Protein backbone atom coordinates (compact mmCIF):
# COMPACT_ATOMS: atom_id res chain seq x y z
CA MET A 1 -33.44 -3.24 151.56
CA ASP A 2 -35.89 -6.08 150.84
CA ALA A 3 -37.06 -8.57 153.32
CA GLN A 4 -35.05 -11.48 152.03
CA LEU A 5 -31.70 -9.86 152.27
CA LEU A 6 -32.57 -8.15 155.94
CA ASP A 7 -33.14 -11.59 157.10
CA ALA A 8 -30.17 -12.96 155.51
CA ALA A 9 -27.65 -9.91 157.59
CA SER A 10 -29.57 -10.74 160.66
CA GLY A 11 -28.60 -14.48 160.23
CA ALA A 12 -25.34 -13.53 159.43
CA TYR A 13 -25.08 -10.98 161.96
CA MET A 14 -26.23 -13.44 164.78
CA LEU A 15 -23.65 -16.18 163.66
CA GLY A 16 -20.79 -13.76 163.86
CA CYS A 17 -21.51 -12.22 166.76
CA ALA A 18 -21.72 -16.19 168.33
CA LEU A 19 -18.70 -16.81 166.65
CA PHE A 20 -16.67 -13.93 168.16
CA ASP A 21 -17.89 -15.00 171.42
CA ALA A 22 -16.59 -18.66 170.99
CA GLY A 23 -13.32 -16.76 170.54
CA LYS A 24 -13.29 -18.58 166.59
CA LEU A 25 -12.32 -15.22 164.96
CA PRO A 26 -10.80 -15.88 161.36
CA GLN A 27 -14.55 -17.68 161.10
CA ALA A 28 -16.07 -14.57 162.71
CA GLU A 29 -14.57 -12.69 160.33
CA TRP A 30 -15.66 -14.52 156.90
CA VAL A 31 -19.26 -14.44 157.85
CA PHE A 32 -18.94 -10.19 158.90
CA PHE A 33 -17.64 -10.02 155.59
CA GLU A 34 -20.32 -12.37 153.51
CA GLY A 35 -23.12 -10.08 155.81
CA ARG A 36 -21.66 -6.78 154.53
CA ARG A 37 -22.91 -7.93 150.87
CA PHE A 38 -26.44 -8.04 152.07
CA ALA A 39 -26.48 -4.52 154.10
CA GLU A 40 -23.97 -2.37 152.92
CA HIS A 41 -25.04 0.80 154.55
CA ASP A 42 -25.40 -1.53 158.47
CA TYR A 43 -22.75 -0.27 160.69
CA ARG A 44 -22.74 -2.83 162.49
CA PHE A 45 -20.79 -4.94 160.09
CA PRO A 46 -17.86 -2.82 159.86
CA ALA A 47 -17.52 -2.49 163.66
CA LYS A 48 -17.68 -5.69 164.34
CA LEU A 49 -14.59 -6.40 161.48
CA ALA A 50 -13.15 -3.74 163.71
CA ALA A 51 -13.52 -5.82 166.96
CA VAL A 52 -11.87 -8.68 165.16
CA ARG A 53 -9.05 -6.80 163.90
CA TYR A 54 -8.73 -5.04 167.23
CA GLU A 55 -8.25 -8.71 169.02
CA ILE A 56 -5.74 -10.11 166.63
CA GLY A 57 -3.52 -6.73 167.26
CA SER A 58 -4.28 -5.51 163.86
CA TYR A 59 -4.93 -1.53 165.06
CA ALA A 60 -4.32 0.19 161.55
CA SER A 61 -7.14 -2.29 160.44
CA ALA A 62 -9.31 -2.00 163.59
CA ILE A 63 -9.16 2.19 162.97
CA PHE A 64 -10.09 2.14 159.35
CA PHE A 65 -13.11 -0.42 160.17
CA ILE A 66 -14.42 2.04 163.22
CA GLN A 67 -14.39 5.05 160.77
CA ARG A 68 -15.99 3.11 157.93
CA ALA A 69 -19.06 2.41 160.52
CA LEU A 70 -18.71 6.10 162.13
CA SER A 71 -19.19 7.46 157.90
CA LEU A 72 -22.43 5.06 158.43
CA LEU A 73 -23.94 6.53 161.42
CA ASP A 74 -26.33 9.80 161.45
CA PRO A 75 -24.23 12.53 163.18
CA HIS A 76 -27.65 13.37 164.71
CA SER A 77 -28.27 9.59 166.05
CA HIS A 78 -26.97 6.76 168.12
CA GLU A 79 -24.51 9.19 170.29
CA PRO A 80 -24.23 6.09 172.58
CA ILE A 81 -22.86 3.94 169.60
CA ARG A 82 -20.83 7.08 168.54
CA GLN A 83 -19.27 6.62 171.62
CA GLU A 84 -18.84 3.15 171.82
CA LEU A 85 -16.93 3.27 168.60
CA TYR A 86 -15.13 6.40 169.68
CA ILE A 87 -13.79 4.89 172.64
CA ALA A 88 -12.58 2.54 170.43
CA MET A 89 -10.85 4.25 168.49
CA ALA A 90 -8.69 6.16 171.07
CA ARG A 91 -7.35 2.07 172.51
CA ALA A 92 -6.60 1.50 168.90
CA CYS A 93 -5.11 4.36 168.07
CA LEU A 94 -3.27 4.83 170.92
CA LEU A 95 -2.08 1.00 171.37
CA SER A 96 -0.58 2.02 167.58
CA SER A 97 1.05 5.24 168.44
CA ASN A 98 -1.21 7.10 166.03
CA VAL A 99 -1.00 10.79 168.29
CA GLU A 100 -2.92 12.38 165.96
CA LYS A 101 -5.67 10.14 165.47
CA ALA A 102 -5.76 9.63 169.19
CA ARG A 103 -6.15 13.07 170.03
CA THR A 104 -9.01 13.06 167.66
CA ALA A 105 -10.89 10.10 168.50
CA ILE A 106 -10.36 11.71 172.62
CA SER A 107 -12.09 15.34 171.95
CA HIS A 108 -14.85 13.02 170.73
CA ILE A 109 -15.86 11.27 173.95
CA THR A 110 -18.20 12.80 176.53
CA SER A 111 -17.40 10.60 179.64
CA GLU A 112 -15.07 12.83 181.52
CA HIS A 113 -13.69 10.01 182.96
CA ASN A 114 -13.20 8.29 180.26
CA ARG A 115 -11.66 10.94 178.28
CA ARG A 116 -9.01 11.78 181.39
CA GLN A 117 -8.24 8.49 181.41
CA PHE A 118 -7.19 8.61 177.71
CA GLU A 119 -5.72 12.23 177.80
CA LYS A 120 -2.86 10.62 180.77
CA SER A 121 -2.57 7.65 178.37
CA LEU A 122 -1.77 9.53 175.55
CA LEU A 123 0.96 12.14 177.64
CA HIS A 124 3.07 9.23 178.41
CA ILE A 125 3.02 8.63 174.51
CA GLU A 126 3.88 11.95 173.78
CA ALA A 127 6.34 11.75 176.47
CA MET A 128 8.24 8.70 174.59
CA ALA A 129 8.22 10.45 171.24
CA THR A 130 9.75 14.01 173.24
CA MET A 131 12.57 11.54 174.17
CA SER A 132 13.02 10.17 170.91
CA SER A 133 13.85 13.48 169.13
CA PRO A 134 16.73 14.99 168.79
CA PRO A 135 16.96 18.29 170.79
CA THR A 136 16.52 21.42 168.54
CA THR A 137 18.51 24.63 168.59
CA THR A 138 17.04 28.35 169.16
CA THR A 139 18.50 31.56 167.51
CA ASN A 140 20.62 32.42 171.16
CA GLY A 141 22.23 28.53 170.35
CA SER A 142 20.51 27.31 173.98
CA ASP A 143 18.77 24.27 174.08
CA SER A 144 15.22 24.69 173.32
CA HIS A 145 14.69 21.64 175.89
CA SER A 146 17.08 23.04 178.49
CA GLN A 147 13.90 24.03 180.63
CA GLY A 148 12.72 20.60 180.93
CA LEU A 149 14.10 17.67 179.84
CA THR A 150 17.66 17.62 180.51
CA PHE A 151 18.74 14.18 179.23
CA GLN A 152 18.81 13.22 175.92
CA PRO A 153 20.28 9.64 175.00
CA ASP A 154 22.80 8.84 172.54
CA LYS A 155 21.72 7.33 168.71
CA LYS A 156 22.57 3.94 169.96
CA THR A 157 20.76 4.37 173.09
CA LEU A 158 17.90 5.63 170.65
CA TRP A 159 18.13 2.62 168.39
CA ARG A 160 17.85 0.37 170.95
CA LYS A 161 14.21 1.83 171.85
CA VAL A 162 13.16 1.91 168.63
CA ILE A 163 13.97 -1.96 168.09
CA GLU A 164 12.23 -2.85 171.65
CA ARG A 165 9.05 -1.09 170.76
CA LEU A 166 9.46 -2.94 167.27
CA PRO A 167 7.11 -5.99 167.49
CA LYS A 168 8.70 -9.54 167.66
CA CYS A 169 6.10 -11.51 165.94
CA ARG A 170 2.77 -11.16 164.73
CA PRO A 171 -0.38 -11.40 167.64
CA GLY A 172 -1.23 -15.50 167.43
CA LEU A 173 -0.53 -18.68 168.61
CA ALA A 174 2.84 -20.21 169.38
CA ASP A 175 2.41 -23.20 168.34
CA GLU A 176 0.40 -22.29 164.60
CA VAL A 177 1.90 -22.00 161.47
CA GLU A 178 2.50 -18.17 159.88
CA PHE A 179 1.25 -17.44 156.63
CA ILE A 180 3.47 -15.41 154.64
CA PRO A 181 1.31 -13.32 151.80
CA VAL A 182 3.49 -12.58 148.08
CA CYS A 183 4.09 -8.98 148.70
CA SER A 184 2.91 -6.18 146.13
CA GLU A 185 5.64 -3.74 145.55
CA ARG A 186 6.92 -2.92 142.20
CA VAL A 187 9.08 -4.46 140.63
CA ARG A 188 12.94 -2.44 140.29
CA SER A 189 15.97 -3.35 138.45
CA LEU A 190 19.42 -2.49 139.60
CA PHE A 191 20.76 -2.32 136.23
CA ASN A 192 20.02 -0.71 132.80
CA SER A 193 21.28 0.61 129.67
CA SER A 194 23.24 3.35 131.59
CA SER A 195 24.76 0.98 133.82
CA VAL A 196 27.47 -0.13 130.65
CA ASP A 197 30.92 0.30 131.04
CA PRO A 198 33.00 -0.95 128.24
CA ASN A 199 36.10 -0.54 130.90
CA GLN A 200 34.11 -2.40 133.47
CA GLU A 201 34.81 -5.93 133.89
CA ASN A 202 32.92 -7.03 137.12
CA TYR A 203 29.68 -5.75 138.74
CA SER A 204 27.99 -6.05 141.62
CA PHE A 205 24.68 -5.55 143.17
CA LEU A 206 23.13 -5.54 146.99
CA PHE A 207 19.70 -6.72 147.46
CA THR A 208 18.56 -5.89 151.12
CA ASN A 209 15.16 -7.25 151.98
CA THR A 210 14.96 -9.67 149.19
CA GLY A 211 11.89 -11.11 150.00
CA ASP A 212 10.56 -13.21 146.69
CA ALA A 213 13.43 -11.54 144.91
CA ARG A 214 11.41 -9.98 142.43
CA ASP A 215 14.04 -7.28 141.52
CA VAL A 216 16.94 -10.00 141.58
CA PHE A 217 14.97 -11.66 138.35
CA ALA A 218 13.95 -8.16 136.82
CA THR A 219 17.67 -7.41 136.97
CA LEU A 220 18.77 -10.58 135.66
CA SER A 221 16.68 -10.24 133.37
CA ASP A 222 17.41 -6.56 132.35
CA ILE A 223 21.11 -8.53 131.84
CA GLY A 224 20.28 -11.17 129.40
CA TYR A 225 18.55 -8.83 127.34
CA MET A 226 22.13 -6.79 126.72
CA VAL A 227 23.91 -9.88 126.33
CA SER A 228 21.44 -10.69 123.78
CA GLN A 229 21.29 -7.49 121.62
CA ASN A 230 25.79 -7.40 122.44
CA LEU A 231 26.02 -4.54 124.46
CA PHE A 232 28.85 -5.85 126.27
CA PRO A 233 31.99 -5.35 123.91
CA SER A 234 33.61 -8.22 126.08
CA ALA A 235 32.98 -10.80 128.43
CA LYS A 236 31.73 -9.53 132.51
CA LYS A 237 31.16 -11.10 135.99
CA PHE A 238 28.35 -10.18 137.62
CA TYR A 239 27.94 -10.74 141.62
CA PHE A 240 24.78 -10.53 143.80
CA THR A 241 24.46 -10.04 147.66
CA LEU A 242 21.14 -10.99 148.83
CA VAL A 243 20.29 -10.03 152.64
CA ASP A 244 17.12 -10.97 154.54
CA LEU A 245 16.03 -11.53 157.86
CA LYS A 246 14.01 -14.42 157.06
CA PRO A 247 15.31 -17.85 156.04
CA ILE A 248 12.36 -18.59 154.54
CA THR A 249 12.99 -15.80 151.99
CA PHE A 250 16.11 -17.92 150.42
CA ALA A 251 14.30 -21.05 150.30
CA ARG A 252 11.98 -19.98 148.42
CA ASP A 253 14.77 -18.17 145.99
CA LEU A 254 16.95 -20.86 145.58
CA LEU A 255 13.63 -23.71 144.38
CA MET A 256 13.06 -20.40 142.31
CA PHE A 257 16.60 -20.79 141.24
CA ARG A 258 17.02 -24.57 141.21
CA MET A 259 13.86 -24.40 138.30
CA LEU A 260 15.08 -22.17 135.74
CA ALA A 261 18.52 -23.86 135.85
CA ASP A 262 16.67 -26.97 135.26
CA TRP A 263 14.50 -25.87 132.78
CA VAL A 264 17.20 -24.89 130.11
CA THR A 265 17.87 -28.87 129.72
CA GLU A 266 14.43 -29.86 129.62
CA SER A 267 12.53 -31.00 127.18
CA ASP A 268 9.39 -28.99 125.83
CA THR A 269 7.11 -31.17 127.91
CA LYS A 270 9.17 -30.58 131.00
CA ARG A 271 9.12 -27.35 130.39
CA ARG A 272 5.29 -26.45 130.30
CA VAL A 273 5.32 -28.09 133.81
CA THR A 274 8.65 -26.41 134.83
CA GLU A 275 7.28 -22.75 133.89
CA ALA A 276 3.47 -23.48 135.84
CA ALA A 277 5.45 -24.54 138.51
CA LEU A 278 7.82 -21.36 138.34
CA ALA A 279 4.76 -18.95 137.96
CA TYR A 280 2.73 -20.92 141.41
CA THR A 281 5.48 -20.82 143.77
CA PHE A 282 6.25 -16.98 142.85
CA ALA A 283 2.85 -15.34 142.73
CA SER A 284 -0.11 -18.22 144.25
CA GLN A 285 -1.08 -19.09 147.58
CA ILE A 286 -2.46 -22.75 146.08
CA MET A 287 -1.70 -24.72 143.02
CA PRO A 288 -2.22 -27.87 140.94
CA SER A 289 -1.54 -31.77 142.54
CA TRP A 290 1.15 -31.80 139.47
CA VAL A 291 2.72 -28.27 140.23
CA TYR A 292 3.10 -29.50 143.44
CA ASP A 293 5.14 -32.82 142.83
CA ARG A 294 7.03 -30.84 140.45
CA LEU A 295 7.71 -28.30 143.23
CA LYS A 296 8.23 -31.20 145.74
CA SER A 297 11.09 -32.31 143.27
CA ALA A 298 13.12 -28.94 143.69
CA ILE A 299 12.75 -29.36 147.51
CA ARG A 300 14.51 -32.59 147.20
CA CYS A 301 17.37 -31.79 145.35
CA VAL A 302 17.94 -28.44 147.05
CA SER A 303 17.66 -29.93 150.20
CA ASP A 304 20.26 -32.73 149.08
CA GLU A 305 22.80 -30.30 148.07
CA LEU A 306 22.34 -28.36 151.03
CA ASN A 307 23.18 -31.38 153.31
CA THR A 308 26.59 -31.78 151.45
CA ASP A 309 29.71 -29.67 151.81
CA VAL A 310 29.97 -28.94 148.83
CA SER A 311 31.68 -24.83 148.86
CA LEU A 312 28.24 -23.27 146.46
CA ILE A 313 25.42 -24.48 145.90
CA MET A 314 24.30 -25.57 142.04
CA GLY A 315 27.67 -23.65 141.60
CA ARG A 316 26.85 -20.12 142.17
CA PHE A 317 25.65 -19.92 146.28
CA CYS A 318 27.83 -19.20 148.31
CA ILE A 319 25.60 -19.74 151.99
CA ASP A 320 27.07 -20.48 155.26
CA THR A 321 26.90 -23.59 156.92
CA ALA A 322 24.45 -21.95 159.81
CA THR A 323 22.12 -20.39 157.11
CA ARG A 324 22.24 -23.84 155.26
CA GLY A 325 20.73 -25.68 158.22
CA LEU A 326 18.20 -22.71 158.59
CA ILE A 327 17.13 -23.13 154.90
CA SER A 328 17.09 -26.62 155.26
CA SER A 329 14.61 -26.67 158.27
CA HIS A 330 12.36 -24.91 155.84
CA TYR A 331 12.26 -27.68 152.96
CA ARG A 332 11.64 -30.44 155.82
CA ASN A 333 8.37 -28.89 157.00
CA TRP A 334 7.02 -28.13 153.53
CA GLN A 335 7.61 -31.86 152.62
CA ASP A 336 4.87 -32.78 155.18
CA PRO A 337 1.28 -33.12 154.59
CA LEU A 338 -0.03 -29.84 155.44
CA GLN A 339 -3.71 -30.00 157.91
CA HIS A 340 -4.78 -27.54 159.95
CA PRO A 341 -4.91 -24.15 159.67
CA PHE A 342 -4.11 -24.04 156.28
CA THR A 343 -5.96 -26.10 153.96
CA THR A 344 -6.74 -25.45 150.60
CA GLY A 345 -10.34 -24.27 151.38
CA GLN A 346 -9.20 -22.37 153.89
CA ILE A 347 -6.50 -20.07 151.93
CA LEU A 348 -9.62 -19.82 149.02
CA SER A 349 -11.31 -17.97 152.35
CA ILE A 350 -8.86 -16.28 153.22
CA THR A 351 -8.00 -14.83 149.79
CA GLY A 352 -11.49 -14.27 149.38
CA ASN A 353 -11.74 -11.91 153.08
CA GLN A 354 -8.37 -9.97 151.41
CA LEU A 355 -9.95 -9.42 148.40
CA ALA A 356 -13.71 -8.08 149.74
CA GLU A 357 -11.35 -5.86 152.29
CA ARG A 358 -9.60 -4.31 149.43
CA ASP A 359 -12.23 -3.40 147.36
CA MET A 360 -14.08 -1.93 150.20
CA THR A 361 -10.90 0.38 151.36
CA THR A 362 -10.32 0.94 147.61
CA SER A 363 -14.13 2.22 146.43
CA SER A 364 -14.23 4.40 150.29
CA ASN A 365 -10.46 5.60 149.78
CA THR A 366 -10.28 7.69 146.51
CA ASN A 367 -6.19 8.76 147.52
CA ILE A 368 -5.03 5.42 147.00
CA PRO A 369 -2.97 4.96 144.15
CA PRO A 370 -3.70 2.36 141.11
CA ARG A 371 -1.94 -1.08 141.51
CA PRO A 372 0.91 -1.94 139.03
CA CYS A 373 -1.01 -5.19 137.31
CA GLU A 374 -3.60 -4.19 135.11
CA PRO A 375 -6.80 -4.82 136.51
CA ASP A 376 -8.92 -5.38 133.54
CA SER A 377 -6.57 -7.98 132.30
CA PRO A 378 -8.26 -11.84 131.84
CA ASP A 379 -6.34 -13.32 134.16
CA SER A 380 -7.20 -10.40 136.61
CA LEU A 381 -10.75 -10.45 136.33
CA SER A 382 -10.83 -14.15 136.75
CA PHE A 383 -8.49 -14.42 139.74
CA LYS A 384 -11.41 -11.71 141.16
CA ASN A 385 -14.19 -13.51 140.65
CA LEU A 386 -12.62 -17.29 141.48
CA ASN A 387 -9.34 -15.97 144.05
CA PHE A 388 -7.63 -18.60 142.54
CA MET A 389 -5.43 -19.04 138.95
CA LEU A 390 -6.45 -22.02 136.07
CA PRO A 391 -3.44 -22.85 133.91
CA PRO A 392 -4.38 -22.17 130.58
CA LEU A 393 -5.85 -24.91 128.44
CA PRO A 394 -3.58 -26.63 126.31
CA VAL A 395 -1.36 -27.23 129.90
CA LEU A 396 -4.53 -28.00 131.51
CA GLU A 397 -5.12 -30.75 128.57
CA GLU A 398 -1.17 -32.41 129.14
CA ASN A 399 -1.42 -32.82 132.79
CA GLU A 400 -5.02 -32.43 134.62
CA ARG A 401 -7.84 -33.69 131.93
CA GLY A 402 -9.99 -34.06 135.14
CA LEU A 403 -10.39 -30.26 135.36
CA LEU A 404 -10.56 -29.33 131.73
CA GLU A 405 -13.87 -29.64 130.83
CA LEU A 406 -15.02 -27.48 133.80
CA ALA A 407 -12.57 -24.60 133.15
CA GLY A 408 -13.55 -24.74 129.48
CA ARG A 409 -16.91 -24.07 130.30
CA PHE A 410 -16.81 -21.25 133.30
CA GLY A 411 -12.83 -20.82 134.66
CA TYR A 412 -11.84 -17.87 131.51
CA MET A 413 -14.70 -15.68 132.08
CA PRO A 414 -14.86 -12.32 133.85
CA ASN A 415 -18.67 -13.08 135.10
CA CYS A 416 -18.46 -16.82 136.25
CA PRO A 417 -21.51 -18.20 136.90
CA PRO A 418 -22.24 -19.37 140.86
CA ILE A 419 -22.77 -22.73 139.74
CA GLY A 420 -19.21 -23.14 137.86
CA LYS A 421 -17.64 -21.42 140.23
CA ILE A 422 -18.63 -23.47 143.40
CA LEU A 423 -17.70 -26.70 140.81
CA LEU A 424 -14.49 -25.30 139.99
CA GLU A 425 -13.85 -24.52 143.74
CA ARG A 426 -15.10 -27.86 145.09
CA TYR A 427 -12.74 -29.98 142.34
CA VAL A 428 -9.81 -27.08 143.16
CA GLU A 429 -10.42 -27.66 147.11
CA SER A 430 -10.54 -31.58 146.70
CA TYR A 431 -7.55 -31.89 144.08
CA TRP A 432 -5.36 -28.82 144.28
CA TRP A 433 -2.63 -27.86 147.58
CA PRO A 434 -1.47 -25.16 149.05
CA ASN A 435 1.50 -23.33 147.97
CA VAL A 436 3.82 -24.27 151.01
CA THR A 437 6.72 -21.57 149.90
CA LEU A 438 4.50 -19.07 151.68
CA LEU A 439 4.14 -21.28 155.35
CA ASP A 440 6.83 -20.34 158.03
CA PHE A 441 7.31 -22.47 160.58
CA ASP A 442 9.85 -21.24 162.20
């Protein structure tokens, strides 16, 4: 490592430690990620990233970074540091109820006092797991637990134990906004050509854990395609039931359906704006100001209708009164300007950290399956460089001429030069908005 990189890595480590000690964990995490770029084989950076993740309660991630730090240490030296990492790993494993990894980590601890303490905790967790497991029966029909624990709770009691152990919320301050990232699950349509029955008039679909409704949209798309191909000999009726624990999911999905309904009757110019609003609302963490204005128009429209006594929202959606109130509260929050903690610049920083962590995970674990998206498509390469997506140039020319020249010079290339990236980021941080539909204020 040359002297310049060594100085940069040392400076990043010292700054990250200072931020960590001051309790500024997001900033410290970003600095440690940046510092790792200067010294990829320095165990200190993944070790400190593990400490940050441990403090925020992300124990599985902390375990990953500890394992990464251990892999960078010489197995025949640095024993005190290795012991500190194994102790930290044992704590994270126990807190996440990862019994196997906890047992392995504890076996590496040389301090008898520390090892006994962890073994005692491990016994408690194993006892809880034993209580939650159903009794087994030996060949002579006797209960294999009969010599030990004789009481087995019924199914209802077991479910209560499970629910009580599930986290009620993510670790964080009670008065802070929660950021809900877009999920990355594969799209699954519930309807295909084999589902068509000439004698069936009505079709019903149940979507649980609806989320961003990608499965709903996929199913609607397949139904629309079959209608266009005249695969239905007569008119059919389709009923959809959407179930989710978070009202925010319905708030987002209703906006998508509202804009889709508007698109049908709009002019070509307005359609291009609505198409951009649909894309950015569904799949982006930030959006241009003119897209944000289109989204706010949809928010006002759906919010006003929810506050009326119409039985069906948009003439299609049956929503009970209590749920309408919960959805409306999100719309009220989303119409207010956002300040701390999720400004456009901060969200771009979070995105960069997530991409760096994903790349680190993928490069160190060959068993991770490839993502369903195209990793080498122009959009994917552009996003990896910039951490955000640019609209097509014709759309920019109509709606955001201030960005047109910068985007044309630097935006649509696999390797954006540093000066181009800086100029684009400065523009976006100044004029673009966060995707407010990803923020859960409740």
